[in-house]
Protein backbone atom coordinates (compact mmCIF):
# COMPACT_ATOMS: atom_id res chain seq x y z
CA GLY A 1 12.97 12.72 -4.40
CA ASP A 2 11.06 15.27 -2.59
CA ASP A 3 13.30 18.49 -2.22
CA SER A 4 10.49 20.54 -0.68
CA GLY A 5 11.62 19.34 2.75
CA TRP A 6 8.25 17.71 3.40
CA ALA A 7 7.93 14.00 3.12
CA PRO A 8 4.78 12.28 4.63
CA PHE A 9 6.15 8.82 4.16
CA SER A 10 9.73 7.81 5.00
CA GLY A 11 12.09 4.88 5.27
CA GLY A 12 12.86 2.21 2.77
CA ARG A 13 10.56 1.29 -0.09
CA TRP A 14 8.67 -1.59 1.61
CA THR A 15 8.12 0.69 4.71
CA ARG A 16 6.82 3.54 2.42
CA TYR A 17 4.58 0.88 0.59
CA GLN A 18 3.11 -0.31 3.87
CA GLN A 19 2.60 3.28 5.03
CA THR A 20 0.56 4.15 1.98
CA LYS A 21 -1.69 1.12 2.34
CA LEU A 22 -2.24 2.01 6.04
CA ALA A 23 -3.01 5.59 5.01
CA ASN A 24 -5.50 4.39 2.50
CA LEU A 25 -7.39 2.34 5.28
CA VAL A 26 -7.27 5.21 7.78
CA PHE A 27 -8.69 7.57 5.20
CA THR A 28 -11.55 5.26 4.30
CA TYR A 29 -12.45 4.74 7.91
CA ALA A 30 -12.56 8.37 8.49
CA LEU A 31 -14.75 8.92 5.41
CA ARG A 32 -17.06 6.23 6.59
CA ASP A 33 -17.32 7.94 9.95
CA ARG A 34 -17.83 11.27 8.46
CA ALA A 35 -20.53 10.06 5.97
CA ALA A 36 -22.38 8.23 8.83
CA ALA A 37 -22.31 11.24 11.11
CA ALA A 38 -23.85 13.38 8.30
CA GLY A 39 -26.58 10.87 7.95
CA SER A 40 -25.38 9.97 4.40
CA LYS A 41 -26.15 6.70 2.67
CA VAL A 42 -22.74 6.80 1.12
CA LYS A 43 -20.58 3.70 1.74
CA ALA A 44 -16.84 3.89 2.05
CA LEU A 45 -15.27 0.96 0.91
CA VAL A 46 -11.62 -0.10 0.72
CA ALA A 47 -10.16 -3.17 -1.14
CA HIS A 48 -6.78 -4.95 -1.05
CA PRO A 49 -4.62 -3.63 -3.92
CA GLY A 50 -4.21 -7.26 -5.40
CA LEU A 51 -1.19 -8.73 -7.04
CA SER A 52 0.86 -6.99 -9.58
CA SER A 53 4.22 -8.06 -10.94
CA THR A 54 6.29 -4.96 -10.58
CA ASN A 55 9.85 -4.22 -9.71
CA LEU A 56 8.83 -3.81 -6.03
CA GLN A 57 9.03 -7.43 -5.46
CA VAL A 58 12.56 -7.70 -6.99
CA THR A 59 14.10 -5.67 -4.20
CA THR A 60 16.98 -7.22 -2.19
CA THR A 61 16.35 -8.66 1.21
CA GLN A 62 18.62 -6.06 2.60
CA ASP A 63 16.12 -3.48 1.51
CA GLY A 64 13.16 -5.33 3.31
CA GLY A 65 11.88 -6.78 0.04
CA MET A 66 11.11 -10.42 -1.04
CA SER A 67 14.12 -12.47 -2.63
CA ASN A 68 13.55 -13.33 -6.31
CA GLY A 69 12.90 -16.79 -5.53
CA LEU A 70 10.22 -16.16 -3.03
CA SER A 71 8.80 -13.49 -5.17
CA ASN A 72 8.61 -15.87 -8.18
CA ARG A 73 6.90 -18.50 -6.12
CA LEU A 74 4.43 -16.19 -4.50
CA MET A 75 3.46 -14.58 -7.86
CA GLY A 76 3.51 -17.48 -9.92
CA GLY A 77 0.61 -17.23 -12.31
CA MET A 78 -1.51 -15.02 -10.03
CA ALA A 79 -0.07 -11.66 -10.63
CA GLN A 80 -1.24 -9.36 -13.53
């Protein structure tokens, strides 16, 4: 854990996961706006992180995650 007393993201693991994805979007929009204001031709792009078979999906429903059955059906053969 973070013992510095400063934690930008808080809550359960799914809440933190959602917060980090939102932070990526907000950062990209701000970068786009700053680049445009500076007259830059740089394009700021953001993409969906995709599907990965990790332990994040195996969390319990009490923790805000998907059940194993749902996770397995959704991930099927699509996840890397």
